Every structure is written in C-alpha cells, then in structure tokens.
PDB file of N, CA and C in Angstrom:
ATOM      1  N   MET A   1     -33.625 -13.674  69.568  1.00  0.00           N
ATOM      2  CA  MET A   1     -31.973 -13.078  69.666  1.00  0.00           C
ATOM      3  C   MET A   1     -31.264 -14.307  70.486  1.00  0.00           C
ATOM      4  N   TYR A   2     -32.219 -15.340  71.040  1.00  0.00           N
ATOM      5  CA  TYR A   2     -31.594 -16.408  71.514  1.00  0.00           C
ATOM      6  C   TYR A   2     -31.083 -17.129  70.209  1.00  0.00           C
ATOM      7  N   GLN A   3     -31.895 -17.216  69.547  1.00  0.00           N
ATOM      8  CA  GLN A   3     -31.510 -18.230  68.075  1.00  0.00           C
ATOM      9  C   GLN A   3     -30.312 -17.835  67.668  1.00  0.00           C
ATOM     10  N   ALA A   4     -30.461 -16.746  67.379  1.00  0.00           N
ATOM     11  CA  ALA A   4     -28.832 -16.254  66.915  1.00  0.00           C
ATOM     12  C   ALA A   4     -27.610 -16.368  67.799  1.00  0.00           C
ATOM     13  N   ILE A   5     -27.476 -16.446  69.143  1.00  0.00           N
ATOM     14  CA  ILE A   5     -26.767 -16.779  69.816  1.00  0.00           C
ATOM     15  C   ILE A   5     -26.596 -18.374  69.799  1.00  0.00           C
ATOM     16  N   GLU A   6     -27.677 -18.776  69.979  1.00  0.00           N
ATOM     17  CA  GLU A   6     -27.244 -20.319  70.080  1.00  0.00           C
ATOM     18  C   GLU A   6     -26.628 -20.653  68.707  1.00  0.00           C
ATOM     19  N   LYS A   7     -27.136 -20.317  67.319  1.00  0.00           N
ATOM     20  CA  LYS A   7     -26.223 -20.793  66.299  1.00  0.00           C
ATOM     21  C   LYS A   7     -24.839 -20.469  66.206  1.00  0.00           C
ATOM     22  N   ALA A   8     -24.325 -19.006  66.539  1.00  0.00           N
ATOM     23  CA  ALA A   8     -23.289 -18.615  66.717  1.00  0.00           C
ATOM     24  C   ALA A   8     -22.355 -19.443  67.717  1.00  0.00           C
ATOM     25  N   ALA A   9     -23.122 -19.778  69.178  1.00  0.00           N
ATOM     26  CA  ALA A   9     -22.686 -20.722  69.819  1.00  0.00           C
ATOM     27  C   ALA A   9     -21.940 -21.903  69.356  1.00  0.00           C
ATOM     28  N   ASP A  10     -22.966 -22.755  68.565  1.00  0.00           N
ATOM     29  CA  ASP A  10     -23.089 -23.833  67.896  1.00  0.00           C
ATOM     30  C   ASP A  10     -21.796 -23.954  67.071  1.00  0.00           C
ATOM     31  N   ARG A  11     -21.754 -22.728  65.976  1.00  0.00           N
ATOM     32  CA  ARG A  11     -20.611 -22.738  65.285  1.00  0.00           C
ATOM     33  C   ARG A  11     -19.695 -22.716  65.810  1.00  0.00           C
ATOM     34  N   LEU A  12     -19.300 -21.941  66.958  1.00  0.00           N
ATOM     35  CA  LEU A  12     -17.689 -21.559  67.563  1.00  0.00           C
ATOM     36  C   LEU A  12     -17.381 -22.886  68.286  1.00  0.00           C
ATOM     37  N   GLU A  13     -18.303 -23.571  68.914  1.00  0.00           N
ATOM     38  CA  GLU A  13     -18.505 -25.078  69.626  1.00  0.00           C
ATOM     39  C   GLU A  13     -17.530 -25.908  68.962  1.00  0.00           C
ATOM     40  N   ALA A  14     -18.389 -26.147  67.435  1.00  0.00           N
ATOM     41  CA  ALA A  14     -17.911 -26.945  66.503  1.00  0.00           C
ATOM     42  C   ALA A  14     -16.133 -26.355  66.066  1.00  0.00           C
ATOM     43  N   ILE A  15     -15.895 -25.057  66.003  1.00  0.00           N
ATOM     44  CA  ILE A  15     -14.809 -24.806  65.528  1.00  0.00           C
ATOM     45  C   ILE A  15     -13.582 -25.280  66.581  1.00  0.00           C
ATOM     46  N   LEU A  16     -13.910 -24.843  67.906  1.00  0.00           N
ATOM     47  CA  LEU A  16     -13.315 -25.508  69.187  1.00  0.00           C
ATOM     48  C   LEU A  16     -12.920 -26.825  69.104  1.00  0.00           C
ATOM     49  N   ALA A  17     -13.657 -27.493  68.828  1.00  0.00           N
ATOM     50  CA  ALA A  17     -13.853 -29.202  69.135  1.00  0.00           C
ATOM     51  C   ALA A  17     -13.059 -29.802  67.941  1.00  0.00           C
ATOM     52  N   LEU A  18     -13.035 -29.169  66.597  1.00  0.00           N
ATOM     53  CA  LEU A  18     -12.001 -29.324  65.242  1.00  0.00           C
ATOM     54  C   LEU A  18     -10.833 -29.055  65.911  1.00  0.00           C
ATOM     55  N   GLU A  19     -10.556 -27.728  66.364  1.00  0.00           N
ATOM     56  CA  GLU A  19      -9.289 -27.157  67.063  1.00  0.00           C
ATOM     57  C   GLU A  19      -8.520 -28.311  68.182  1.00  0.00           C
ATOM     58  N   ILE A  20      -9.083 -28.795  68.834  1.00  0.00           N
ATOM     59  CA  ILE A  20      -8.793 -29.427  69.963  1.00  0.00           C
ATOM     60  C   ILE A  20      -8.319 -30.666  69.438  1.00  0.00           C
ATOM     61  N   ASP A  21      -9.199 -31.373  68.529  1.00  0.00           N
ATOM     62  CA  ASP A  21      -8.747 -32.494  68.132  1.00  0.00           C
ATOM     63  C   ASP A  21      -7.782 -32.306  66.939  1.00  0.00           C
ATOM     64  N   THR A  22      -7.648 -31.354  66.261  1.00  0.00           N
ATOM     65  CA  THR A  22      -6.340 -31.028  65.960  1.00  0.00           C
ATOM     66  C   THR A  22      -5.180 -31.315  66.478  1.00  0.00           C
ATOM     67  N   LEU A  23      -4.997 -30.018  67.595  1.00  0.00           N
ATOM     68  CA  LEU A  23      -4.003 -30.097  68.610  1.00  0.00           C
ATOM     69  C   LEU A  23      -3.460 -31.651  68.968  1.00  0.00           C
ATOM     70  N   ARG A  24      -4.643 -32.330  69.177  1.00  0.00           N
ATOM     71  CA  ARG A  24      -4.474 -33.938  69.841  1.00  0.00           C
ATOM     72  C   ARG A  24      -4.029 -34.709  68.798  1.00  0.00           C
ATOM     73  N   GLY A  25      -3.994 -34.647  67.209  1.00  0.00           N
ATOM     74  CA  GLY A  25      -3.753 -34.812  66.319  1.00  0.00           C
ATOM     75  C   GLY A  25      -5.171 -36.421  65.842  1.00  0.00           C
ATOM     76  N   LYS A  26      -5.854 -35.570  65.923  1.00  0.00           N
ATOM     77  CA  LYS A  26      -6.970 -36.736  65.934  1.00  0.00           C
ATOM     78  C   LYS A  26      -7.361 -35.915  64.225  1.00  0.00           C
ATOM     79  N   ALA A  27      -7.326 -34.818  63.817  1.00  0.00           N
ATOM     80  CA  ALA A  27      -7.757 -34.334  62.476  1.00  0.00           C
ATOM     81  C   ALA A  27      -6.394 -33.401  62.400  1.00  0.00           C
ATOM     82  N   SER A  28      -6.488 -33.110  61.017  1.00  0.00           N
ATOM     83  CA  SER A  28      -5.495 -32.430  60.288  1.00  0.00           C
ATOM     84  C   SER A  28      -5.751 -31.418  59.759  1.00  0.00           C
ATOM     85  N   GLU A  29      -6.835 -30.351  60.211  1.00  0.00           N
ATOM     86  CA  GLU A  29      -6.999 -29.143  59.729  1.00  0.00           C
ATOM     87  C   GLU A  29      -6.293 -27.934  60.078  1.00  0.00           C
ATOM     88  N   PRO A  30      -5.746 -27.374  58.909  1.00  0.00           N
ATOM     89  CA  PRO A  30      -4.489 -26.088  59.565  1.00  0.00           C
ATOM     90  C   PRO A  30      -5.586 -25.025  60.433  1.00  0.00           C
ATOM     91  N   LEU A  31      -4.247 -25.097  61.400  1.00  0.00           N
ATOM     92  CA  LEU A  31      -4.480 -24.355  62.653  1.00  0.00           C
ATOM     93  C   LEU A  31      -5.076 -22.710  62.440  1.00  0.00           C
ATOM     94  N   SER A  32      -4.018 -22.249  61.198  1.00  0.00           N
ATOM     95  CA  SER A  32      -4.855 -20.806  60.953  1.00  0.00           C
ATOM     96  C   SER A  32      -5.759 -20.275  60.698  1.00  0.00           C
ATOM     97  N   GLU A  33      -6.405 -21.686  59.816  1.00  0.00           N
ATOM     98  CA  GLU A  33      -7.890 -21.523  59.424  1.00  0.00           C
ATOM     99  C   GLU A  33      -9.050 -21.397  60.184  1.00  0.00           C
ATOM    100  N   LEU A  34      -8.916 -22.421  61.511  1.00  0.00           N
ATOM    101  CA  LEU A  34      -9.331 -22.377  62.333  1.00  0.00           C
ATOM    102  C   LEU A  34      -9.400 -21.047  63.405  1.00  0.00           C
ATOM    103  N   THR A  35      -8.459 -20.998  63.439  1.00  0.00           N
ATOM    104  CA  THR A  35      -8.019 -19.508  63.990  1.00  0.00           C
ATOM    105  C   THR A  35      -8.904 -18.505  63.396  1.00  0.00           C
ATOM    106  N   THR A  36      -8.447 -18.028  62.127  1.00  0.00           N
ATOM    107  CA  THR A  36      -9.560 -17.221  61.581  1.00  0.00           C
ATOM    108  C   THR A  36     -11.180 -17.588  61.802  1.00  0.00           C
ATOM    109  N   ARG A  37     -11.391 -18.600  61.529  1.00  0.00           N
ATOM    110  CA  ARG A  37     -12.562 -18.808  61.630  1.00  0.00           C
ATOM    111  C   ARG A  37     -13.445 -18.985  62.889  1.00  0.00           C
ATOM    112  N   LYS A  38     -12.416 -19.183  64.260  1.00  0.00           N
ATOM    113  CA  LYS A  38     -12.864 -19.005  65.553  1.00  0.00           C
ATOM    114  C   LYS A  38     -12.953 -17.009  65.794  1.00  0.00           C
ATOM    115  N   ASN A  39     -12.067 -16.511  65.573  1.00  0.00           N
ATOM    116  CA  ASN A  39     -12.292 -15.008  64.968  1.00  0.00           C
ATOM    117  C   ASN A  39     -13.465 -14.623  64.567  1.00  0.00           C
ATOM    118  N   HIS A  40     -13.765 -15.304  63.526  1.00  0.00           N
ATOM    119  CA  HIS A  40     -15.272 -14.697  63.085  1.00  0.00           C
ATOM    120  C   HIS A  40     -16.198 -15.092  63.973  1.00  0.00           C
ATOM    121  N   CYS A  41     -16.401 -15.845  64.594  1.00  0.00           N
ATOM    122  CA  CYS A  41     -17.574 -16.551  65.491  1.00  0.00           C
ATOM    123  C   CYS A  41     -17.410 -15.697  66.514  1.00  0.00           C
ATOM    124  N   LEU A  42     -16.336 -15.110  67.238  1.00  0.00           N
ATOM    125  CA  LEU A  42     -15.999 -14.367  68.417  1.00  0.00           C
ATOM    126  C   LEU A  42     -16.861 -12.766  67.923  1.00  0.00           C
ATOM    127  N   LEU A  43     -16.280 -12.905  67.186  1.00  0.00           N
ATOM    128  CA  LEU A  43     -16.845 -11.245  66.189  1.00  0.00           C
ATOM    129  C   LEU A  43     -18.408 -11.202  66.467  1.00  0.00           C
ATOM    130  N   GLU A  44     -18.471 -12.356  65.771  1.00  0.00           N
ATOM    131  CA  GLU A  44     -20.259 -12.331  65.610  1.00  0.00           C
ATOM    132  C   GLU A  44     -20.867 -12.107  67.011  1.00  0.00           C
ATOM    133  N   LEU A  45     -20.166 -13.126  68.137  1.00  0.00           N
ATOM    134  CA  LEU A  45     -20.603 -13.027  69.477  1.00  0.00           C
ATOM    135  C   LEU A  45     -20.711 -11.759  70.232  1.00  0.00           C
ATOM    136  N   SER A  46     -19.414 -11.259  69.850  1.00  0.00           N
ATOM    137  CA  SER A  46     -19.564  -9.664  70.619  1.00  0.00           C
ATOM    138  C   SER A  46     -20.667  -8.864  69.816  1.00  0.00           C
ATOM    139  N   ARG A  47     -20.791  -8.876  68.627  1.00  0.00           N
ATOM    140  CA  ARG A  47     -21.629  -7.354  68.507  1.00  0.00           C
ATOM    141  C   ARG A  47     -23.203  -8.197  68.481  1.00  0.00           C
ATOM    142  N   LEU A  48     -23.300  -9.293  68.794  1.00  0.00           N
ATOM    143  CA  LEU A  48     -24.640  -9.564  69.277  1.00  0.00           C
ATOM    144  C   LEU A  48     -24.672  -9.510  71.029  1.00  0.00           C
ATOM    145  N   SER A  49     -23.976  -9.715  71.302  1.00  0.00           N
ATOM    146  CA  SER A  49     -23.387  -9.602  73.117  1.00  0.00           C
ATOM    147  C   SER A  49     -23.746  -7.895  73.230  1.00  0.00           C
ATOM    148  N   ARG A  50     -23.318  -7.089  72.119  1.00  0.00           N
ATOM    149  CA  ARG A  50     -23.535  -5.638  72.552  1.00  0.00           C
ATOM    150  C   ARG A  50     -24.845  -5.200  72.410  1.00  0.00           C
ATOM    151  N   SER A  51     -25.784  -5.884  71.246  1.00  0.00           N
ATOM    152  CA  SER A  51     -26.932  -5.876  71.225  1.00  0.00           C
ATOM    153  C   SER A  51     -27.878  -6.019  72.376  1.00  0.00           C
ATOM    154  N   LEU A  52     -27.364  -6.446  73.151  1.00  0.00           N
ATOM    155  CA  LEU A  52     -28.282  -7.523  74.301  1.00  0.00           C
ATOM    156  C   LEU A  52     -28.270  -6.420  75.356  1.00  0.00           C
ATOM    157  N   ALA A  53     -26.795  -5.751  75.381  1.00  0.00           N
ATOM    158  CA  ALA A  53     -26.654  -4.512  76.486  1.00  0.00           C
ATOM    159  C   ALA A  53     -27.334  -3.989  77.381  1.00  0.00           C
ATOM    160  N   GLY A  54     -28.193  -3.521  76.620  1.00  0.00           N
ATOM    161  CA  GLY A  54     -29.114  -2.506  77.151  1.00  0.00           C
ATOM    162  C   GLY A  54     -30.660  -3.020  77.312  1.00  0.00           C
ATOM    163  N   THR A  55     -30.649  -4.477  77.174  1.00  0.00           N
ATOM    164  CA  THR A  55     -31.795  -5.153  77.417  1.00  0.00           C
ATOM    165  C   THR A  55     -32.005  -5.375  79.175  1.00  0.00           C
ATOM    166  N   ALA A  56     -32.842  -4.895  79.432  1.00  0.00           N
ATOM    167  CA  ALA A  56     -33.094  -4.976  80.903  1.00  0.00           C
ATOM    168  C   ALA A  56     -33.679  -6.558  81.358  1.00  0.00           C
ATOM    169  N   ASP A  57     -34.596  -7.228  80.341  1.00  0.00           N
ATOM    170  CA  ASP A  57     -35.411  -8.696  80.950  1.00  0.00           C
ATOM    171  C   ASP A  57     -34.705  -9.632  79.703  1.00  0.00           C
ATOM    172  N   ARG A  58     -33.504 -10.000  79.979  1.00  0.00           N
ATOM    173  CA  ARG A  58     -32.873 -10.623  79.244  1.00  0.00           C
ATOM    174  C   ARG A  58     -33.411 -12.351  79.198  1.00  0.00           C
ATOM    175  N   ASP A  59     -33.253 -12.864  78.019  1.00  0.00           N
ATOM    176  CA  ASP A  59     -33.628 -14.390  78.354  1.00  0.00           C
ATOM    177  C   ASP A  59     -32.764 -15.350  79.169  1.00  0.00           C
ATOM    178  N   GLN A  60     -33.064 -15.996  79.568  1.00  0.00           N
ATOM    179  CA  GLN A  60     -32.487 -16.941  80.675  1.00  0.00           C
ATOM    180  C   GLN A  60     -31.197 -18.082  79.888  1.00  0.00           C
ATOM    181  N   ARG A  61     -32.120 -18.455  78.792  1.00  0.00           N
ATOM    182  CA  ARG A  61     -31.709 -19.537  78.203  1.00  0.00           C
ATOM    183  C   ARG A  61     -30.174 -19.013  77.532  1.00  0.00           C
ATOM    184  N   ILE A  62     -30.236 -17.628  77.204  1.00  0.00           N
ATOM    185  CA  ILE A  62     -28.949 -16.845  76.562  1.00  0.00           C
ATOM    186  C   ILE A  62     -28.085 -17.372  77.850  1.00  0.00           C
ATOM    187  N   ASP A  63     -28.197 -17.113  78.915  1.00  0.00           N
ATOM    188  CA  ASP A  63     -27.235 -17.157  79.907  1.00  0.00           C
ATOM    189  C   ASP A  63     -26.651 -18.531  79.951  1.00  0.00           C
ATOM    190  N   ASP A  64     -27.472 -19.604  79.881  1.00  0.00           N
ATOM    191  CA  ASP A  64     -27.112 -20.688  79.702  1.00  0.00           C
ATOM    192  C   ASP A  64     -26.556 -21.153  79.051  1.00  0.00           C
ATOM    193  N   ARG A  65     -26.914 -20.836  77.952  1.00  0.00           N
ATOM    194  CA  ARG A  65     -26.095 -21.099  76.769  1.00  0.00           C
ATOM    195  C   ARG A  65     -24.634 -20.559  76.524  1.00  0.00           C
ATOM    196  N   LEU A  66     -24.679 -19.569  77.060  1.00  0.00           N
ATOM    197  CA  LEU A  66     -23.223 -18.849  77.026  1.00  0.00           C
ATOM    198  C   LEU A  66     -22.325 -19.604  78.093  1.00  0.00           C
ATOM    199  N   ARG A  67     -23.208 -19.994  79.664  1.00  0.00           N
ATOM    200  CA  ARG A  67     -22.021 -20.792  80.041  1.00  0.00           C
ATOM    201  C   ARG A  67     -21.584 -22.199  79.475  1.00  0.00           C
ATOM    202  N   LEU A  68     -22.247 -22.697  78.558  1.00  0.00           N
ATOM    203  CA  LEU A  68     -22.029 -23.819  78.278  1.00  0.00           C
ATOM    204  C   LEU A  68     -20.740 -23.614  77.374  1.00  0.00           C
ATOM    205  N   LEU A  69     -20.718 -22.245  76.137  1.00  0.00           N
ATOM    206  CA  LEU A  69     -20.055 -21.932  75.560  1.00  0.00           C
ATOM    207  C   LEU A  69     -18.471 -21.640  76.201  1.00  0.00           C
ATOM    208  N   GLN A  70     -18.796 -21.115  77.149  1.00  0.00           N
ATOM    209  CA  GLN A  70     -17.694 -20.433  78.294  1.00  0.00           C
ATOM    210  C   GLN A  70     -16.843 -21.937  78.717  1.00  0.00           C
ATOM    211  N   LYS A  71     -17.616 -23.318  78.803  1.00  0.00           N
ATOM    212  CA  LYS A  71     -16.709 -24.645  78.987  1.00  0.00           C
ATOM    213  C   LYS A  71     -16.027 -25.222  78.264  1.00  0.00           C
ATOM    214  N   ALA A  72     -16.828 -24.699  77.147  1.00  0.00           N
ATOM    215  CA  ALA A  72     -16.001 -25.370  76.134  1.00  0.00           C
ATOM    216  C   ALA A  72     -14.443 -24.449  75.299  1.00  0.00           C
ATOM    217  N   LEU A  73     -14.828 -23.002  75.537  1.00  0.00           N
ATOM    218  CA  LEU A  73     -13.746 -21.995  75.338  1.00  0.00           C
ATOM    219  C   LEU A  73     -12.525 -22.444  76.573  1.00  0.00           C
ATOM    220  N   LYS A  74     -13.111 -22.725  77.824  1.00  0.00           N
ATOM    221  CA  LYS A  74     -11.831 -23.001  78.992  1.00  0.00           C
ATOM    222  C   LYS A  74     -11.094 -24.159  78.477  1.00  0.00           C
ATOM    223  N   GLU A  75     -11.983 -25.051  77.725  1.00  0.00           N
ATOM    224  CA  GLU A  75     -11.314 -26.532  77.675  1.00  0.00           C
ATOM    225  C   GLU A  75     -10.200 -26.464  76.765  1.00  0.00           C
ATOM    226  N   SER A  76     -10.499 -25.498  75.199  1.00  0.00           N
ATOM    227  CA  SER A  76      -9.793 -24.958  74.229  1.00  0.00           C
ATOM    228  C   SER A  76      -8.675 -24.447  75.029  1.00  0.00           C
ATOM    229  N   GLN A  77      -8.814 -23.467  75.765  1.00  0.00           N
ATOM    230  CA  GLN A  77      -7.569 -23.121  76.407  1.00  0.00           C
ATOM    231  C   GLN A  77      -6.542 -23.517  77.055  1.00  0.00           C
ATOM    232  N   ARG A  78      -7.086 -24.769  77.564  1.00  0.00           N
ATOM    233  CA  ARG A  78      -6.662 -25.782  78.365  1.00  0.00           C
ATOM    234  C   ARG A  78      -5.079 -26.475  77.441  1.00  0.00           C
ATOM    235  N   VAL A  79      -6.227 -26.700  75.875  1.00  0.00           N
ATOM    236  CA  VAL A  79      -5.427 -27.772  75.429  1.00  0.00           C
ATOM    237  C   VAL A  79      -4.656 -26.706  74.685  1.00  0.00           C
ATOM    238  N   LEU A  80      -4.634 -25.817  74.181  1.00  0.00           N
ATOM    239  CA  LEU A  80      -3.727 -24.436  73.325  1.00  0.00           C
ATOM    240  C   LEU A  80      -2.635 -24.145  74.904  1.00  0.00           C
ATOM    241  N   GLY A  81      -2.802 -24.197  76.060  1.00  0.00           N
ATOM    242  CA  GLY A  81      -1.741 -23.957  76.987  1.00  0.00           C
ATOM    243  C   GLY A  81      -0.534 -25.077  77.095  1.00  0.00           C
ATOM    244  N   LEU A  82      -1.463 -26.752  76.612  1.00  0.00           N
ATOM    245  CA  LEU A  82      -0.430 -27.759  76.670  1.00  0.00           C
ATOM    246  C   LEU A  82       0.295 -27.847  75.326  1.00  0.00           C
ATOM    247  N   HIS A  83      -0.201 -27.341  74.596  1.00  0.00           N
ATOM    248  CA  HIS A  83       0.360 -27.539  73.046  1.00  0.00           C
ATOM    249  C   HIS A  83       1.788 -26.287  72.897  1.00  0.00           C
ATOM    250  N   VAL A  84       1.224 -25.058  73.682  1.00  0.00           N
ATOM    251  CA  VAL A  84       2.421 -23.998  73.407  1.00  0.00           C
ATOM    252  C   VAL A  84       3.611 -24.221  74.731  1.00  0.00           C
ATOM    253  N   GLN A  85       3.186 -24.951  76.051  1.00  0.00           N
ATOM    254  CA  GLN A  85       4.013 -25.415  76.517  1.00  0.00           C
ATOM    255  C   GLN A  85       5.176 -26.547  75.866  1.00  0.00           C
ATOM    256  N   ALA A  86       4.500 -27.645  75.675  1.00  0.00           N
ATOM    257  CA  ALA A  86       5.041 -28.878  74.816  1.00  0.00           C
ATOM    258  C   ALA A  86       5.669 -28.041  73.455  1.00  0.00           C
ATOM    259  N   SER A  87       5.588 -27.606  72.885  1.00  0.00           N
ATOM    260  CA  SER A  87       6.226 -26.369  72.096  1.00  0.00           C
ATOM    261  C   SER A  87       7.492 -25.717  72.534  1.00  0.00           C
ATOM    262  N   ARG A  88       7.258 -25.213  73.650  1.00  0.00           N
ATOM    263  CA  ARG A  88       8.691 -24.519  74.080  1.00  0.00           C
ATOM    264  C   ARG A  88       9.575 -25.509  74.661  1.00  0.00           C
ATOM    265  N   GLU A  89       9.020 -26.596  75.205  1.00  0.00           N
ATOM    266  CA  GLU A  89      10.118 -27.677  75.459  1.00  0.00           C
ATOM    267  C   GLU A  89      10.580 -28.278  74.701  1.00  0.00           C
ATOM    268  N   ILE A  90      10.094 -28.527  73.621  1.00  0.00           N
ATOM    269  CA  ILE A  90      10.595 -28.991  72.135  1.00  0.00           C
ATOM    270  C   ILE A  90      11.411 -27.931  71.782  1.00  0.00           C
ATOM    271  N   GLY A  91      11.128 -26.895  71.858  1.00  0.00           N
ATOM    272  CA  GLY A  91      12.501 -25.717  71.208  1.00  0.00           C
ATOM    273  C   GLY A  91      13.717 -25.217  72.369  1.00  0.00           C
ATOM    274  N   GLY A  92      13.458 -25.932  73.484  1.00  0.00           N
ATOM    275  CA  GLY A  92      14.528 -25.982  74.275  1.00  0.00           C
ATOM    276  C   GLY A  92      15.338 -27.014  74.131  1.00  0.00           C
ATOM    277  N   VAL A  93      14.532 -28.026  73.940  1.00  0.00           N
ATOM    278  CA  VAL A  93      15.458 -29.324  73.624  1.00  0.00           C
ATOM    279  C   VAL A  93      16.450 -29.002  72.515  1.00  0.00           C
ATOM    280  N   ILE A  94      15.712 -28.644  71.218  1.00  0.00           N
ATOM    281  CA  ILE A  94      16.210 -28.407  69.923  1.00  0.00           C
ATOM    282  C   ILE A  94      17.387 -27.508  70.062  1.00  0.00           C
ATOM    283  N   ALA A  95      17.014 -26.352  70.368  1.00  0.00           N
ATOM    284  CA  ALA A  95      18.473 -25.353  71.423  1.00  0.00           C
ATOM    285  C   ALA A  95      19.280 -25.981  71.968  1.00  0.00           C
ATOM    286  N   ALA A  96      19.478 -26.556  73.313  1.00  0.00           N
ATOM    287  CA  ALA A  96      20.094 -26.895  73.877  1.00  0.00           C
ATOM    288  C   ALA A  96      21.036 -28.114  72.877  1.00  0.00           C
ATOM    289  N   THR A  97      20.085 -29.120  72.031  1.00  0.00           N
ATOM    290  CA  THR A  97      20.892 -29.891  71.204  1.00  0.00           C
ATOM    291  C   THR A  97      22.311 -29.140  69.950  1.00  0.00           C
ATOM    292  N   ILE A  98      21.849 -28.039  69.389  1.00  0.00           N
ATOM    293  CA  ILE A  98      22.015 -27.541  68.427  1.00  0.00           C
ATOM    294  C   ILE A  98      23.715 -26.619  69.003  1.00  0.00           C
ATOM    295  N   SER A  99      23.236 -26.429  70.646  1.00  0.00           N
ATOM    296  CA  SER A  99      24.379 -25.482  70.881  1.00  0.00           C
ATOM    297  C   SER A  99      25.499 -26.624  71.520  1.00  0.00           C
ATOM    298  N   ALA A 100      25.144 -27.996  71.616  1.00  0.00           N
ATOM    299  CA  ALA A 100      26.229 -28.578  72.005  1.00  0.00           C
ATOM    300  C   ALA A 100      26.789 -29.227  70.981  1.00  0.00           C
ATOM    301  N   ALA A 101      26.051 -29.531  69.870  1.00  0.00           N
ATOM    302  CA  ALA A 101      26.955 -29.960  68.438  1.00  0.00           C
ATOM    303  C   ALA A 101      27.378 -28.874  68.250  1.00  0.00           C
ATOM    304  N   ASP A 102      27.476 -27.637  68.304  1.00  0.00           N
ATOM    305  CA  ASP A 102      28.044 -26.436  67.590  1.00  0.00           C
ATOM    306  C   ASP A 102      29.416 -25.980  68.896  1.00  0.00           C
ATOM    307  N   SER A 103      29.444 -26.600  69.982  1.00  0.00           N
ATOM    308  CA  SER A 103      30.624 -26.314  70.578  1.00  0.00           C
ATOM    309  C   SER A 103      31.204 -27.815  70.904  1.00  0.00           C
ATOM    310  N   ASP A 104      32.744 -27.284  70.963  1.00  0.00           N
ATOM    311  CA  ASP A 104      33.683 -28.393  71.421  1.00  0.00           C
ATOM    312  C   ASP A 104      33.835 -28.108  73.460  1.00  0.00           C
ATOM    313  N   GLY A 105      33.064 -27.295  73.792  1.00  0.00           N
ATOM    314  CA  GLY A 105      33.557 -27.269  75.419  1.00  0.00           C
ATOM    315  C   GLY A 105      34.719 -26.544  75.410  1.00  0.00           C
ATOM    316  N   THR A 106      35.191 -25.666  74.636  1.00  0.00           N
ATOM    317  CA  THR A 106      36.574 -24.663  74.874  1.00  0.00           C
ATOM    318  C   THR A 106      35.849 -23.705  75.632  1.00  0.00           C
ATOM    319  N   TYR A 107      34.975 -23.026  75.113  1.00  0.00           N
ATOM    320  CA  TYR A 107      34.580 -21.551  75.325  1.00  0.00           C
ATOM    321  C   TYR A 107      32.954 -21.826  75.963  1.00  0.00           C
ATOM    322  N   THR A 108      32.760 -22.592  76.912  1.00  0.00           N
ATOM    323  CA  THR A 108      31.539 -22.573  77.708  1.00  0.00           C
ATOM    324  C   THR A 108      31.757 -21.013  78.754  1.00  0.00           C
ATOM    325  N   THR A 109      30.666 -20.792  79.202  1.00  0.00           N
ATOM    326  CA  THR A 109      30.400 -20.268  80.429  1.00  0.00           C
ATOM    327  C   THR A 109      31.385 -20.328  81.628  1.00  0.00           C
ATOM    328  N   ALA A 110      31.576 -21.730  82.121  1.00  0.00           N
ATOM    329  CA  ALA A 110      32.355 -21.958  83.006  1.00  0.00           C
ATOM    330  C   ALA A 110      33.728 -21.710  82.792  1.00  0.00           C
ATOM    331  N   VAL A 111      34.222 -21.695  81.459  1.00  0.00           N
ATOM    332  CA  VAL A 111      35.772 -21.380  81.359  1.00  0.00           C
ATOM    333  C   VAL A 111      35.965 -19.795  81.237  1.00  0.00           C
ATOM    334  N   LEU A 112      35.026 -19.295  80.653  1.00  0.00           N
ATOM    335  CA  LEU A 112      35.075 -17.699  80.806  1.00  0.00           C
ATOM    336  C   LEU A 112      35.063 -17.186  81.686  1.00  0.00           C
ATOM    337  N   ARG A 113      34.448 -17.460  83.024  1.00  0.00           N
ATOM    338  CA  ARG A 113      34.209 -17.047  84.305  1.00  0.00           C
ATOM    339  C   ARG A 113      35.622 -17.316  85.201  1.00  0.00           C
ATOM    340  N   ARG A 114      36.112 -18.470  84.847  1.00  0.00           N
ATOM    341  CA  ARG A 114      37.815 -18.358  85.200  1.00  0.00           C
ATOM    342  C   ARG A 114      38.719 -17.793  84.855  1.00  0.00           C
ATOM    343  N   GLY A 115      38.480 -17.439  83.834  1.00  0.00           N
ATOM    344  CA  GLY A 115      39.682 -16.115  82.934  1.00  0.00           C
ATOM    345  C   GLY A 115      40.529 -16.984  82.322  1.00  0.00           C
TER     346      GLY A 115
END
C-alpha cells in the first residue's frame, strides 16, 4: 500500500511543482490541464486513503509521506493565493481605468449626492 501512495504523492508533487513554476512564469503549461491532472491525483489519493481507513496498524512511512505532500500542497495554496490576489488587483486597476476613461466627471457619485 505504501508504494501506491508514494507513487501517487510523487505524481501530485510533480504536478504541483509544475503549476507553481507556471504561475511564477518559469514554465508555460496550460493551468487548466494542470488542474485536471491535479484533480485526478487527488482523487486517486482519496481512494487510497479510504482503503486505509479500517487499517489499525498503518505503516508510519505513509504518514511521513503524506506530511511531505501536505507541505507541497500548502506551498501550492500560497502561490495560488498570491496569483488570485494579483489578478484581483489588476482587475481593479483595469476597472478603474475604464471607468475614468468613460466618464467626463459630470455624473460622479459626489455630484449625485449634492443633487
């Protein structure tokens, strides 16, 4: 069982590393493809973990391996969070720029409040 989990964890970590490199601009993989591959690996690990649920004498190597995988997942989550935050900020700048370009200042909220 340990070998199956180790292989699945290795595949997932490789995908996470490629995803992080892509988000940092060091690689150019399609993020949608990486997400699909990542989801398949997570499903595989989920199925493997269900088969371990009833096992009383679990191999300690599995817990150790999953802790390493957890670190990789946390790093991926951190980088994805930065990417989402940056996307929101860029979207806000674009929206403000479009709004400023479309308006001559005549109907701003300050003018509407004054009546």
